[in-house]
N, C-alpha and C. Protein backbone atom coordinates (compact mmCIF):
# COMPACT_ATOMS: atom_id res chain seq x y z
N MET A 1 -15.17 37.78 15.54
CA MET A 1 -13.80 37.62 15.13
C MET A 1 -13.76 37.80 13.61
N SER A 2 -12.90 38.63 13.13
CA SER A 2 -12.83 38.92 11.70
C SER A 2 -11.80 38.00 11.03
N PHE A 3 -11.86 37.99 9.71
CA PHE A 3 -10.92 37.18 8.94
C PHE A 3 -9.48 37.65 9.15
N ALA A 4 -9.32 38.94 9.31
CA ALA A 4 -7.97 39.50 9.49
C ALA A 4 -7.31 38.94 10.75
N SER A 5 -8.09 38.71 11.78
CA SER A 5 -7.52 38.17 13.00
C SER A 5 -7.24 36.66 12.88
N LEU A 6 -7.91 35.98 11.96
CA LEU A 6 -7.69 34.56 11.75
C LEU A 6 -6.54 34.28 10.77
N ARG A 7 -6.09 35.29 10.08
CA ARG A 7 -5.07 35.11 9.05
C ARG A 7 -3.78 34.46 9.60
N PRO A 8 -3.22 34.92 10.72
CA PRO A 8 -2.00 34.27 11.22
C PRO A 8 -2.23 32.79 11.57
N VAL A 9 -3.40 32.48 12.10
CA VAL A 9 -3.71 31.10 12.46
C VAL A 9 -3.81 30.25 11.19
N CYS A 10 -4.45 30.80 10.15
CA CYS A 10 -4.58 30.08 8.88
C CYS A 10 -3.22 29.80 8.27
N LEU A 11 -2.31 30.75 8.38
CA LEU A 11 -0.99 30.56 7.81
C LEU A 11 -0.21 29.46 8.52
N LEU A 12 -0.51 29.23 9.77
CA LEU A 12 0.16 28.16 10.51
C LEU A 12 -0.51 26.81 10.31
N VAL A 13 -1.83 26.80 10.20
CA VAL A 13 -2.58 25.56 10.13
C VAL A 13 -2.69 25.03 8.70
N LEU A 14 -2.76 25.91 7.72
CA LEU A 14 -2.97 25.49 6.34
C LEU A 14 -1.91 24.52 5.83
N PRO A 15 -0.62 24.72 6.06
CA PRO A 15 0.36 23.73 5.58
C PRO A 15 0.15 22.35 6.21
N LEU A 16 -0.26 22.30 7.44
CA LEU A 16 -0.51 21.01 8.09
C LEU A 16 -1.70 20.30 7.45
N VAL A 17 -2.74 21.06 7.16
CA VAL A 17 -3.94 20.48 6.55
C VAL A 17 -3.61 19.99 5.14
N LEU A 18 -2.87 20.77 4.39
CA LEU A 18 -2.52 20.36 3.03
C LEU A 18 -1.59 19.16 3.02
N SER A 19 -0.70 19.07 3.97
CA SER A 19 0.21 17.92 4.00
C SER A 19 -0.55 16.64 4.33
N ALA A 20 -1.65 16.74 5.03
CA ALA A 20 -2.45 15.56 5.34
C ALA A 20 -3.19 15.06 4.11
N CYS A 21 -3.33 15.89 3.10
CA CYS A 21 -4.05 15.50 1.89
C CYS A 21 -3.18 14.74 0.90
N VAL A 22 -1.90 14.70 1.11
CA VAL A 22 -1.00 14.02 0.18
C VAL A 22 -1.19 12.52 0.34
N GLU A 23 -1.54 11.85 -0.78
CA GLU A 23 -1.77 10.41 -0.74
C GLU A 23 -0.72 9.69 -1.56
N GLY A 24 -0.50 8.45 -1.22
CA GLY A 24 0.37 7.62 -2.02
C GLY A 24 1.85 7.75 -1.72
N LEU A 25 2.22 8.59 -0.82
CA LEU A 25 3.63 8.72 -0.49
C LEU A 25 3.97 7.78 0.65
N PRO A 26 5.03 7.04 0.54
CA PRO A 26 5.41 6.14 1.63
C PRO A 26 5.94 6.91 2.83
N ALA A 27 5.92 6.28 3.97
CA ALA A 27 6.44 6.92 5.18
C ALA A 27 7.92 7.21 5.02
N ASP A 28 8.62 6.34 4.33
CA ASP A 28 10.04 6.53 4.06
C ASP A 28 10.19 7.03 2.62
N PRO A 29 10.66 8.26 2.42
CA PRO A 29 10.75 8.78 1.06
C PRO A 29 11.71 8.01 0.16
N LYS A 30 12.60 7.20 0.73
CA LYS A 30 13.53 6.41 -0.06
C LYS A 30 12.97 5.03 -0.41
N ALA A 31 11.79 4.70 0.11
CA ALA A 31 11.19 3.40 -0.17
C ALA A 31 10.75 3.34 -1.64
N PRO A 32 10.81 2.15 -2.25
CA PRO A 32 10.38 2.02 -3.64
C PRO A 32 8.90 2.35 -3.80
N ARG A 33 8.59 3.02 -4.91
CA ARG A 33 7.20 3.33 -5.23
C ARG A 33 6.90 2.82 -6.63
N MET A 34 5.69 2.36 -6.85
CA MET A 34 5.31 1.87 -8.17
C MET A 34 5.40 2.96 -9.22
N SER A 35 5.22 4.20 -8.82
CA SER A 35 5.23 5.30 -9.78
C SER A 35 6.64 5.68 -10.23
N GLN A 36 7.66 5.13 -9.61
CA GLN A 36 9.04 5.42 -10.00
C GLN A 36 9.41 4.59 -11.23
N LYS A 37 9.99 5.24 -12.19
CA LYS A 37 10.44 4.55 -13.39
C LYS A 37 11.51 3.53 -13.01
N GLY A 38 11.35 2.29 -13.48
CA GLY A 38 12.32 1.24 -13.21
C GLY A 38 12.01 0.40 -11.98
N THR A 39 10.98 0.76 -11.21
CA THR A 39 10.60 -0.04 -10.05
C THR A 39 9.67 -1.15 -10.48
N CYS A 40 10.06 -2.38 -10.24
CA CYS A 40 9.20 -3.52 -10.53
C CYS A 40 8.27 -3.72 -9.34
N PHE A 41 7.04 -4.11 -9.63
CA PHE A 41 6.08 -4.25 -8.53
C PHE A 41 5.30 -5.55 -8.65
N ALA A 42 4.86 -6.01 -7.50
CA ALA A 42 3.98 -7.18 -7.39
C ALA A 42 3.13 -6.96 -6.15
N TYR A 43 1.82 -7.03 -6.34
CA TYR A 43 0.93 -6.91 -5.18
C TYR A 43 -0.30 -7.76 -5.39
N VAL A 44 -0.97 -8.10 -4.30
CA VAL A 44 -2.13 -8.97 -4.31
C VAL A 44 -3.37 -8.12 -4.07
N THR A 45 -4.42 -8.39 -4.87
CA THR A 45 -5.69 -7.70 -4.68
C THR A 45 -6.74 -8.72 -4.26
N ALA A 46 -7.69 -8.26 -3.46
CA ALA A 46 -8.81 -9.12 -3.06
C ALA A 46 -9.85 -9.11 -4.17
N GLU A 47 -10.37 -10.26 -4.50
CA GLU A 47 -11.39 -10.43 -5.54
C GLU A 47 -12.67 -10.93 -4.88
N PRO A 48 -13.80 -10.80 -5.55
CA PRO A 48 -15.05 -11.31 -4.99
C PRO A 48 -15.00 -12.82 -4.75
N GLY A 49 -15.72 -13.28 -3.78
CA GLY A 49 -15.80 -14.70 -3.49
C GLY A 49 -14.65 -15.24 -2.67
N GLY A 50 -13.91 -14.37 -1.99
CA GLY A 50 -12.81 -14.81 -1.16
C GLY A 50 -11.57 -15.22 -1.94
N LEU A 51 -11.50 -14.83 -3.21
CA LEU A 51 -10.34 -15.14 -4.04
C LEU A 51 -9.41 -13.94 -4.11
N PHE A 52 -8.23 -14.16 -4.69
CA PHE A 52 -7.22 -13.11 -4.79
C PHE A 52 -6.61 -13.14 -6.18
N ALA A 53 -6.03 -12.01 -6.59
CA ALA A 53 -5.33 -11.93 -7.88
C ALA A 53 -3.98 -11.26 -7.65
N LEU A 54 -3.00 -11.65 -8.47
CA LEU A 54 -1.66 -11.09 -8.40
C LEU A 54 -1.50 -10.10 -9.54
N VAL A 55 -1.05 -8.89 -9.21
CA VAL A 55 -0.79 -7.85 -10.21
C VAL A 55 0.71 -7.59 -10.18
N SER A 56 1.34 -7.61 -11.36
CA SER A 56 2.77 -7.35 -11.42
C SER A 56 3.09 -6.55 -12.66
N GLY A 57 4.21 -5.83 -12.60
CA GLY A 57 4.63 -5.02 -13.73
C GLY A 57 5.85 -4.20 -13.39
N LYS A 58 6.10 -3.19 -14.22
CA LYS A 58 7.27 -2.32 -14.02
C LYS A 58 6.82 -0.88 -14.11
N GLY A 59 7.22 -0.07 -13.13
CA GLY A 59 6.86 1.34 -13.10
C GLY A 59 7.41 2.08 -14.31
N ASP A 60 6.56 2.95 -14.90
CA ASP A 60 6.98 3.70 -16.07
C ASP A 60 7.00 5.21 -15.82
N GLY A 61 6.91 5.59 -14.57
CA GLY A 61 6.95 7.00 -14.23
C GLY A 61 5.57 7.63 -14.07
N THR A 62 4.49 6.89 -14.34
CA THR A 62 3.14 7.41 -14.17
C THR A 62 2.62 7.03 -12.79
N LEU A 63 1.57 7.70 -12.34
CA LEU A 63 1.01 7.41 -11.01
C LEU A 63 0.38 6.03 -10.94
N ALA A 64 -0.20 5.56 -12.04
CA ALA A 64 -0.83 4.24 -12.06
C ALA A 64 -0.26 3.43 -13.21
N PRO A 65 0.91 2.81 -13.02
CA PRO A 65 1.50 2.04 -14.12
C PRO A 65 0.66 0.81 -14.44
N VAL A 66 0.71 0.41 -15.68
CA VAL A 66 -0.05 -0.75 -16.14
C VAL A 66 0.68 -2.02 -15.71
N GLY A 67 -0.09 -2.96 -15.19
CA GLY A 67 0.48 -4.23 -14.78
C GLY A 67 -0.37 -5.37 -15.30
N GLN A 68 0.14 -6.56 -15.21
CA GLN A 68 -0.60 -7.74 -15.62
C GLN A 68 -1.30 -8.32 -14.39
N LYS A 69 -2.60 -8.61 -14.56
CA LYS A 69 -3.38 -9.16 -13.46
C LYS A 69 -3.69 -10.62 -13.75
N SER A 70 -3.42 -11.47 -12.77
CA SER A 70 -3.68 -12.90 -12.94
C SER A 70 -5.18 -13.17 -12.79
N LYS A 71 -5.54 -14.38 -13.12
CA LYS A 71 -6.93 -14.79 -12.89
C LYS A 71 -7.14 -14.97 -11.39
N PRO A 72 -8.36 -14.85 -10.89
CA PRO A 72 -8.61 -15.05 -9.46
C PRO A 72 -8.20 -16.46 -9.03
N MET A 73 -7.57 -16.53 -7.86
CA MET A 73 -7.11 -17.82 -7.34
C MET A 73 -7.25 -17.87 -5.83
N SER A 74 -7.07 -19.04 -5.28
CA SER A 74 -7.20 -19.24 -3.83
C SER A 74 -6.05 -18.55 -3.10
N ALA A 75 -6.20 -18.46 -1.80
CA ALA A 75 -5.18 -17.81 -0.98
C ALA A 75 -3.84 -18.55 -1.07
N GLU A 76 -3.87 -19.87 -1.03
CA GLU A 76 -2.63 -20.64 -1.10
C GLU A 76 -1.94 -20.46 -2.45
N ALA A 77 -2.74 -20.46 -3.51
CA ALA A 77 -2.17 -20.32 -4.86
C ALA A 77 -1.58 -18.94 -5.06
N VAL A 78 -2.25 -17.91 -4.58
CA VAL A 78 -1.72 -16.56 -4.76
C VAL A 78 -0.48 -16.34 -3.90
N ASP A 79 -0.44 -16.94 -2.73
CA ASP A 79 0.76 -16.84 -1.89
C ASP A 79 1.97 -17.46 -2.60
N ALA A 80 1.77 -18.63 -3.22
CA ALA A 80 2.86 -19.29 -3.94
C ALA A 80 3.28 -18.47 -5.17
N ALA A 81 2.30 -17.94 -5.91
CA ALA A 81 2.61 -17.13 -7.09
C ALA A 81 3.32 -15.84 -6.69
N PHE A 82 2.91 -15.23 -5.58
CA PHE A 82 3.54 -14.00 -5.11
C PHE A 82 4.99 -14.27 -4.72
N ALA A 83 5.24 -15.35 -3.97
CA ALA A 83 6.61 -15.67 -3.55
C ALA A 83 7.50 -15.89 -4.76
N LYS A 84 7.00 -16.60 -5.77
CA LYS A 84 7.79 -16.87 -6.97
C LYS A 84 8.05 -15.56 -7.74
N GLU A 85 7.03 -14.71 -7.85
CA GLU A 85 7.18 -13.43 -8.57
C GLU A 85 8.19 -12.52 -7.90
N VAL A 86 8.14 -12.43 -6.58
CA VAL A 86 9.10 -11.58 -5.85
C VAL A 86 10.51 -12.12 -6.02
N GLN A 87 10.66 -13.43 -6.03
CA GLN A 87 11.98 -14.04 -6.24
C GLN A 87 12.50 -13.69 -7.63
N VAL A 88 11.65 -13.76 -8.64
CA VAL A 88 12.06 -13.43 -10.01
C VAL A 88 12.41 -11.95 -10.13
N LEU A 89 11.58 -11.08 -9.53
CA LEU A 89 11.84 -9.64 -9.60
C LEU A 89 13.18 -9.29 -8.94
N GLY A 90 13.54 -10.03 -7.91
CA GLY A 90 14.79 -9.75 -7.21
C GLY A 90 16.04 -10.02 -8.02
N ILE A 91 15.95 -10.85 -9.06
CA ILE A 91 17.13 -11.16 -9.86
C ILE A 91 17.09 -10.52 -11.25
N MET A 92 16.00 -9.85 -11.59
CA MET A 92 15.90 -9.21 -12.90
C MET A 92 16.76 -7.94 -12.92
N PRO A 93 17.69 -7.84 -13.87
CA PRO A 93 18.58 -6.67 -13.90
C PRO A 93 17.87 -5.35 -14.21
N GLU A 94 16.72 -5.40 -14.90
CA GLU A 94 16.02 -4.16 -15.22
C GLU A 94 15.21 -3.60 -14.06
N CYS A 95 15.09 -4.35 -12.98
CA CYS A 95 14.38 -3.87 -11.79
C CYS A 95 15.36 -3.09 -10.92
N LEU A 96 15.22 -1.78 -10.95
CA LEU A 96 16.10 -0.93 -10.14
C LEU A 96 15.71 -0.98 -8.66
N ALA A 97 14.44 -1.28 -8.40
CA ALA A 97 13.92 -1.45 -7.04
C ALA A 97 12.71 -2.37 -7.15
N VAL A 98 12.28 -2.94 -6.02
CA VAL A 98 11.13 -3.84 -6.01
C VAL A 98 10.14 -3.36 -4.96
N TYR A 99 8.87 -3.17 -5.40
CA TYR A 99 7.76 -2.84 -4.52
C TYR A 99 6.89 -4.09 -4.44
N ALA A 100 6.72 -4.65 -3.26
CA ALA A 100 5.94 -5.89 -3.11
C ALA A 100 5.01 -5.78 -1.90
N ARG A 101 3.74 -6.14 -2.11
CA ARG A 101 2.75 -6.18 -1.03
C ARG A 101 2.00 -7.50 -1.14
N ASP A 102 2.05 -8.30 -0.08
CA ASP A 102 1.46 -9.62 -0.11
C ASP A 102 -0.03 -9.62 0.21
N ARG A 103 -0.57 -10.81 0.39
CA ARG A 103 -2.01 -10.97 0.62
C ARG A 103 -2.47 -10.30 1.91
N ALA A 104 -1.64 -10.25 2.92
CA ALA A 104 -2.02 -9.62 4.19
C ALA A 104 -2.35 -8.14 3.97
N ALA A 105 -1.66 -7.49 3.04
CA ALA A 105 -1.93 -6.08 2.75
C ALA A 105 -3.22 -5.92 1.94
N ALA A 106 -3.67 -6.99 1.25
CA ALA A 106 -4.88 -6.91 0.42
C ALA A 106 -6.14 -7.09 1.24
N GLN A 107 -6.02 -7.79 2.35
CA GLN A 107 -7.20 -8.06 3.17
C GLN A 107 -7.46 -6.88 4.10
N PRO A 108 -8.75 -6.51 4.26
CA PRO A 108 -9.05 -5.45 5.21
C PRO A 108 -8.73 -5.92 6.63
N ALA A 109 -8.29 -5.00 7.43
CA ALA A 109 -7.94 -5.34 8.81
C ALA A 109 -9.18 -5.80 9.56
N ALA A 110 -9.03 -6.85 10.32
CA ALA A 110 -10.14 -7.37 11.10
C ALA A 110 -10.41 -6.45 12.27
N LEU A 111 -11.68 -6.25 12.56
CA LEU A 111 -12.04 -5.43 13.70
C LEU A 111 -11.81 -6.24 14.97
N THR A 112 -11.10 -5.68 15.87
CA THR A 112 -10.86 -6.37 17.12
C THR A 112 -11.40 -5.52 18.25
N THR A 113 -11.88 -6.17 19.25
CA THR A 113 -12.37 -5.46 20.41
C THR A 113 -11.48 -5.82 21.58
N ALA A 114 -11.30 -4.89 22.44
CA ALA A 114 -10.48 -5.15 23.63
C ALA A 114 -11.24 -6.08 24.56
N PRO A 115 -10.55 -7.00 25.19
CA PRO A 115 -11.23 -7.89 26.12
C PRO A 115 -11.77 -7.10 27.31
N ALA A 116 -12.85 -7.61 27.84
CA ALA A 116 -13.45 -6.94 29.00
C ALA A 116 -12.49 -7.02 30.17
N PRO A 117 -12.40 -5.95 30.95
CA PRO A 117 -11.50 -5.98 32.10
C PRO A 117 -11.96 -7.01 33.12
N VAL A 118 -10.99 -7.66 33.72
CA VAL A 118 -11.29 -8.68 34.72
C VAL A 118 -11.17 -8.03 36.10
N ALA A 119 -12.19 -8.26 36.91
CA ALA A 119 -12.17 -7.70 38.26
C ALA A 119 -11.15 -8.47 39.11
N PRO A 120 -10.34 -7.76 39.89
CA PRO A 120 -9.36 -8.46 40.73
C PRO A 120 -10.07 -9.28 41.82
N LYS A 121 -9.44 -10.43 42.14
CA LYS A 121 -10.00 -11.29 43.18
C LYS A 121 -9.74 -10.69 44.54
N ALA A 122 -10.76 -10.79 45.35
CA ALA A 122 -10.63 -10.21 46.70
C ALA A 122 -10.12 -11.21 47.69
């Protein structure tokens, strides 16, 4: 099979492959993104030792806006700090939109296995 015969297939498949490479775009294009100028953000990161940190700031139009990172804290403390930060961001007039991801988004998903099938009783 020559390249010339693969050309039509490449023209159909290449856009699909390239679209799969796009990272950082939300499923909903209207959803707030940290990279949007004026979007205030708050998210929780996992730290070593089972601790968490809160990162917050305001989008400046760059892909990785600078934010303030708190000191590592326990899960309960970061949950309380996150709730308070999101509440504050919601009333700040300079926040055109709010991007918020809590501790559940910071933790890796637990591996789950399907339960073994149960044989029906005879």
